[in-house]
Amino acid sequence: MDRPAKEFLAGFQKAAQLTQSLADSRSPHSDPTDYLRDVADLHGHSDDLVRRGLAVGCLCAMGKG
């Protein structure tokens, strides 16, 4: 596997960890779907493949990927 693919997958792994963390600690003050959408919007246009993988992972967690 080449370096760009590894970087993208590292970001995707971070999204999985974030999603699990949100599922484990549900807060009545914030909506996990809104949070994942905000993270995806923030990182989706980055040239950094880790950040882009994070964005795609968040979208997949929301069923949008």
C-alpha atoms as a PDB file:
ATOM      1  CA  MET A   1       0.000   0.000   0.000  1.00  0.00           C
ATOM      2  CA  ASP A   2       1.408   3.401  -0.897  1.00  0.00           C
ATOM      3  CA  ARG A   3       1.813   6.331   1.466  1.00  0.00           C
ATOM      4  CA  PRO A   4      -1.212   8.373   0.314  1.00  0.00           C
ATOM      5  CA  ALA A   5      -3.491   5.362   0.834  1.00  0.00           C
ATOM      6  CA  LYS A   6      -2.072   4.814   4.323  1.00  0.00           C
ATOM      7  CA  GLU A   7      -2.612   8.478   5.196  1.00  0.00           C
ATOM      8  CA  PHE A   8      -6.203   8.397   3.948  1.00  0.00           C
ATOM      9  CA  LEU A   9      -6.924   5.225   5.922  1.00  0.00           C
ATOM     10  CA  ALA A  10      -5.367   6.768   9.036  1.00  0.00           C
ATOM     11  CA  GLY A  11      -7.900   9.593   8.754  1.00  0.00           C
ATOM     12  CA  PHE A  12     -10.698   7.118   8.203  1.00  0.00           C
ATOM     13  CA  GLN A  13      -9.590   5.308  11.375  1.00  0.00           C
ATOM     14  CA  LYS A  14      -9.720   8.601  13.291  1.00  0.00           C
ATOM     15  CA  ALA A  15     -13.310   9.051  12.099  1.00  0.00           C
ATOM     16  CA  ALA A  16     -14.199   5.577  13.364  1.00  0.00           C
ATOM     17  CA  GLN A  17     -12.677   6.388  16.752  1.00  0.00           C
ATOM     18  CA  LEU A  18     -14.519   9.713  16.878  1.00  0.00           C
ATOM     19  CA  THR A  19     -17.806   8.042  15.986  1.00  0.00           C
ATOM     20  CA  GLN A  20     -17.301   5.425  18.695  1.00  0.00           C
ATOM     21  CA  SER A  21     -16.465   8.122  21.223  1.00  0.00           C
ATOM     22  CA  LEU A  22     -19.636  10.035  20.349  1.00  0.00           C
ATOM     23  CA  ALA A  23     -21.701   6.863  20.649  1.00  0.00           C
ATOM     24  CA  ASP A  24     -20.193   6.058  24.048  1.00  0.00           C
ATOM     25  CA  SER A  25     -20.807   9.488  25.548  1.00  0.00           C
ATOM     26  CA  ARG A  26     -24.100  10.782  24.237  1.00  0.00           C
ATOM     27  CA  SER A  27     -24.759  14.327  25.377  1.00  0.00           C
ATOM     28  CA  PRO A  28     -28.228  15.843  25.552  1.00  0.00           C
ATOM     29  CA  HIS A  29     -26.659  19.189  24.584  1.00  0.00           C
ATOM     30  CA  SER A  30     -25.238  18.210  21.207  1.00  0.00           C
ATOM     31  CA  ASP A  31     -26.295  16.083  18.276  1.00  0.00           C
ATOM     32  CA  PRO A  32     -23.616  13.603  17.143  1.00  0.00           C
ATOM     33  CA  THR A  33     -24.793  13.806  13.535  1.00  0.00           C
ATOM     34  CA  ASP A  34     -24.393  17.591  13.502  1.00  0.00           C
ATOM     35  CA  TYR A  35     -20.937  17.230  15.033  1.00  0.00           C
ATOM     36  CA  LEU A  36     -19.844  14.669  12.420  1.00  0.00           C
ATOM     37  CA  ARG A  37     -21.225  16.893   9.658  1.00  0.00           C
ATOM     38  CA  ASP A  38     -19.267  19.872  11.005  1.00  0.00           C
ATOM     39  CA  VAL A  39     -16.057  17.811  11.167  1.00  0.00           C
ATOM     40  CA  ALA A  40     -16.602  16.601   7.591  1.00  0.00           C
ATOM     41  CA  ASP A  41     -17.243  20.169   6.381  1.00  0.00           C
ATOM     42  CA  LEU A  42     -14.155  21.443   8.174  1.00  0.00           C
ATOM     43  CA  HIS A  43     -11.761  18.819   6.802  1.00  0.00           C
ATOM     44  CA  GLY A  44     -13.329  17.775   3.499  1.00  0.00           C
ATOM     45  CA  HIS A  45     -11.535  20.262   1.266  1.00  0.00           C
ATOM     46  CA  SER A  46      -8.081  19.807   2.721  1.00  0.00           C
ATOM     47  CA  ASP A  47      -5.113  18.712   0.647  1.00  0.00           C
ATOM     48  CA  ASP A  48      -3.962  16.650   3.648  1.00  0.00           C
ATOM     49  CA  LEU A  49      -5.065  13.065   3.021  1.00  0.00           C
ATOM     50  CA  VAL A  50      -5.432  12.257   6.731  1.00  0.00           C
ATOM     51  CA  ARG A  51      -7.883  15.133   7.115  1.00  0.00           C
ATOM     52  CA  ARG A  52      -9.701  14.145   3.940  1.00  0.00           C
ATOM     53  CA  GLY A  53      -9.961  10.543   5.172  1.00  0.00           C
ATOM     54  CA  LEU A  54     -11.392  11.860   8.423  1.00  0.00           C
ATOM     55  CA  ALA A  55     -14.043  13.777   6.491  1.00  0.00           C
ATOM     56  CA  VAL A  56     -15.011  10.788   4.355  1.00  0.00           C
ATOM     57  CA  GLY A  57     -15.158   8.564   7.430  1.00  0.00           C
ATOM     58  CA  CYS A  58     -17.498  11.005   9.154  1.00  0.00           C
ATOM     59  CA  LEU A  59     -19.747  11.111   6.093  1.00  0.00           C
ATOM     60  CA  CYS A  60     -19.803   7.302   5.980  1.00  0.00           C
ATOM     61  CA  ALA A  61     -20.727   7.166   9.653  1.00  0.00           C
ATOM     62  CA  MET A  62     -23.702   9.398   8.841  1.00  0.00           C
ATOM     63  CA  GLY A  63     -24.664   7.175   5.892  1.00  0.00           C
ATOM     64  CA  LYS A  64     -23.692   9.828   3.346  1.00  0.00           C
ATOM     65  CA  GLY A  65     -20.455   8.307   2.008  1.00  0.00           C
END
